[in-house]
C-alpha cells in the first residue's frame, strides 16, 4: 500500500509541476498559495492514514518548492539567495522557467525582472543539474516485496507423487 501511494503521489507531483512549467496562467502568487494548501491537505491525509513512512510526501518536494517559489519575493539579491537555498529539488532550468512565466494577477505584484533572473542563473551556475525541464510522469519506482522467512523447514516438506517431481532428490 505504501509503495502504491508513493507512486501515486509522484505522478501527482510530476503532472502538476509539468503544468506549472508549461502554463503561464498558473504561475502566480495565488496559485502558489492554493498549491501549498492542497499539498498540506495531502500530507495531512497521509498522516491520518499512517502512511508517513511510505516516502509519498518526499515525492512532493519539487512541487512544494515550486509553490514556495511562486510565493517568495523576487526583487533583491537576498531574495535570490533565499530562492537558491530553498529550491534544492528543482533544477536551474526549472527555477528560471517558473520565474520567466511568473504572471502577476493583481496590481500589488510585479513581474520578475530580467536582471533578477540573470542573478539567479549566476548563483546557480555551479550546480550540476540534469538538463531536463519536465519530469517524467511515467517513471515507475521499483516494487519491493518484503521477505518473510517460513517457519517450515524444507526437509519436512512432502511432495505428492501426483506432481511428478521424481527428478528432485533430498540432499
Protein backbone atom coordinates (compact mmCIF):
# COMPACT_ATOMS: atom_id res chain seq x y z
CA UNK A 1 0.00 0.00 0.00
CA UNK A 2 2.84 2.37 0.87
CA UNK A 3 4.53 1.74 -2.48
CA UNK A 4 1.28 2.40 -4.35
CA UNK A 5 0.79 5.75 -2.65
CA UNK A 6 4.41 6.73 -3.20
CA UNK A 7 3.93 6.07 -6.93
CA UNK A 8 0.60 7.90 -6.99
CA UNK A 9 1.99 10.96 -5.20
CA UNK A 10 4.98 11.03 -7.55
CA UNK A 11 2.59 11.12 -10.51
CA UNK A 12 0.60 13.95 -8.90
CA UNK A 13 3.87 15.83 -8.37
CA UNK A 14 5.14 15.27 -11.93
CA UNK A 15 1.91 16.17 -13.74
CA UNK A 16 1.30 19.25 -11.60
CA UNK A 17 4.88 20.53 -11.84
CA UNK A 18 4.91 19.96 -15.61
CA UNK A 19 1.72 22.02 -15.89
CA UNK A 20 3.33 24.83 -13.90
CA UNK A 21 6.36 24.73 -16.19
CA UNK A 22 4.23 24.83 -19.35
CA UNK A 23 1.38 27.20 -18.48
CA UNK A 24 1.89 30.88 -17.87
CA UNK A 25 -1.62 31.29 -16.46
CA UNK A 26 -0.83 29.17 -13.39
CA UNK A 27 2.47 30.85 -12.45
CA UNK A 28 1.22 33.35 -9.90
CA UNK A 29 1.30 34.06 -6.17
CA UNK A 30 -2.31 32.91 -5.70
CA UNK A 31 -1.60 29.59 -7.44
CA UNK A 32 1.36 29.11 -5.10
CA UNK A 33 -0.95 29.63 -2.12
CA UNK A 34 -3.56 27.23 -3.48
CA UNK A 35 -0.91 24.58 -4.26
CA UNK A 36 0.61 24.83 -0.80
CA UNK A 37 -2.82 24.43 0.82
CA UNK A 38 -3.66 21.40 -1.35
CA UNK A 39 -0.28 19.79 -0.64
CA UNK A 40 -0.75 20.29 3.09
CA UNK A 41 -4.13 18.54 2.77
CA UNK A 42 -2.42 15.59 1.05
CA UNK A 43 0.27 15.48 3.75
CA UNK A 44 -2.40 15.58 6.44
CA UNK A 45 -4.25 12.72 4.74
CA UNK A 46 -1.05 10.65 4.64
CA UNK A 47 -0.53 11.30 8.33
CA UNK A 48 -4.15 10.37 9.10
CA UNK A 49 -3.78 7.07 7.22
CA UNK A 50 -0.42 6.37 8.93
CA UNK A 51 1.47 6.46 5.62
CA UNK A 52 4.18 8.98 6.60
CA UNK A 53 6.89 6.32 6.24
CA UNK A 54 5.88 5.47 2.66
CA UNK A 55 8.04 8.20 1.07
CA UNK A 56 4.96 9.64 -0.66
CA UNK A 57 5.35 13.06 0.97
CA UNK A 58 9.01 13.18 -0.11
CA UNK A 59 7.98 12.80 -3.76
CA UNK A 60 6.02 16.07 -3.45
CA UNK A 61 9.14 18.07 -2.53
CA UNK A 62 9.69 19.62 -6.01
CA UNK A 63 6.06 20.74 -6.09
CA UNK A 64 6.29 22.19 -2.58
CA UNK A 65 9.37 24.16 -3.61
CA UNK A 66 7.69 25.38 -6.80
CA UNK A 67 4.72 26.60 -4.73
CA UNK A 68 7.09 28.38 -2.33
CA UNK A 69 8.99 29.90 -5.28
CA UNK A 70 5.73 31.37 -6.57
CA UNK A 71 5.08 32.89 -3.15
CA UNK A 72 8.53 34.33 -2.39
CA UNK A 73 9.58 37.91 -3.01
CA UNK A 74 11.63 38.23 -6.18
CA UNK A 75 13.43 41.57 -6.07
CA UNK A 76 16.65 41.77 -4.08
CA UNK A 77 19.86 39.74 -4.02
CA UNK A 78 18.79 38.44 -0.58
CA UNK A 79 15.64 37.11 -2.23
CA UNK A 80 17.80 35.42 -4.89
CA UNK A 81 19.95 33.81 -2.18
CA UNK A 82 16.82 32.59 -0.39
CA UNK A 83 15.45 31.09 -3.61
CA UNK A 84 18.75 29.32 -4.34
CA UNK A 85 18.97 27.82 -0.85
CA UNK A 86 15.28 26.84 -0.78
CA UNK A 87 14.87 25.26 -4.23
CA UNK A 88 17.18 22.26 -3.94
CA UNK A 89 14.76 19.77 -5.54
CA UNK A 90 14.24 21.96 -8.61
CA UNK A 91 16.99 22.27 -11.19
CA UNK A 92 18.24 25.61 -12.53
CA UNK A 93 16.25 25.30 -15.75
CA UNK A 94 13.00 24.72 -13.84
CA UNK A 95 13.59 27.66 -11.47
CA UNK A 96 14.38 30.04 -14.34
CA UNK A 97 11.37 28.82 -16.33
CA UNK A 98 8.99 29.42 -13.41
CA UNK A 99 10.46 32.89 -12.88
CA UNK A 100 10.11 33.70 -16.59
CA UNK A 101 6.49 32.50 -16.64
CA UNK A 102 5.55 34.28 -13.40
CA UNK A 103 2.50 36.42 -14.12
CA UNK A 104 1.12 38.91 -11.60
CA UNK A 105 -2.65 38.64 -11.14
CA UNK A 106 -3.20 41.95 -9.33
CA UNK A 107 -1.66 45.40 -9.18
CA UNK A 108 0.30 44.69 -5.99
CA UNK A 109 2.54 42.13 -7.68
CA UNK A 110 5.29 42.84 -10.17
CA UNK A 111 6.84 40.79 -12.96
CA UNK A 112 10.21 39.24 -12.25
CA UNK A 113 12.94 41.38 -13.79
CA UNK A 114 15.45 40.03 -16.29
CA UNK A 115 18.28 41.23 -14.01
CA UNK A 116 16.88 39.17 -11.12
CA UNK A 117 16.63 36.05 -13.29
CA UNK A 118 20.21 36.53 -14.51
CA UNK A 119 21.32 36.88 -10.89
CA UNK A 120 19.62 33.56 -10.07
CA UNK A 121 21.31 31.90 -13.07
CA UNK A 122 24.67 33.22 -11.92
CA UNK A 123 24.14 31.93 -8.39
CA UNK A 124 23.05 28.50 -9.64
CA UNK A 125 25.65 28.01 -12.38
CA UNK A 126 27.82 25.85 -10.09
CA UNK A 127 25.10 23.24 -9.72
CA UNK A 128 25.47 20.12 -11.83
CA UNK A 129 21.79 19.81 -12.64
CA UNK A 130 20.36 17.46 -15.23
CA UNK A 131 19.34 19.47 -18.31
CA UNK A 132 15.72 18.26 -18.32
CA UNK A 133 12.90 20.72 -17.81
CA UNK A 134 9.91 18.41 -17.40
CA UNK A 135 9.56 15.49 -15.04
CA UNK A 136 8.93 12.01 -16.42
CA UNK A 137 5.44 11.29 -15.10
CA UNK A 138 5.71 7.72 -16.41
CA UNK A 139 8.64 6.95 -14.09
CA UNK A 140 7.95 3.83 -12.06
CA UNK A 141 9.55 3.11 -8.71
CA UNK A 142 10.75 -0.49 -8.34
CA UNK A 143 8.34 -2.70 -6.41
CA UNK A 144 9.83 -4.24 -3.30
CA UNK A 145 8.36 -7.35 -1.75
CA UNK A 146 9.26 -7.91 1.89
CA UNK A 147 10.97 -11.20 2.66
CA UNK A 148 9.16 -13.18 5.30
CA UNK A 149 11.02 -16.43 6.07
CA UNK A 150 8.87 -19.50 6.52
CA UNK A 151 8.80 -21.41 9.78
CA UNK A 152 8.55 -24.69 7.81
CA UNK A 153 11.90 -26.31 7.06
CA UNK A 154 12.42 -27.66 3.57
CA UNK A 155 13.36 -31.17 4.75
CA UNK A 156 9.93 -31.56 6.37
CA UNK A 157 8.03 -30.92 3.13
CA UNK A 158 6.38 -33.93 1.50
CA UNK A 159 5.94 -33.71 -2.29
CA UNK A 160 2.95 -35.71 -3.57
CA UNK A 161 3.67 -38.21 -6.38
CA UNK A 162 0.91 -36.61 -8.47
CA UNK A 163 3.21 -33.62 -9.05
CA UNK A 164 5.62 -35.92 -10.95
CA UNK A 165 8.70 -34.31 -9.46
CA UNK A 166 10.66 -37.57 -9.18
CA UNK A 167 13.75 -35.85 -10.55
CA UNK A 168 14.07 -33.89 -7.28
CA UNK A 169 16.26 -35.57 -4.68
CA UNK A 170 16.57 -34.81 -0.99
CA UNK A 171 20.13 -33.97 -0.10
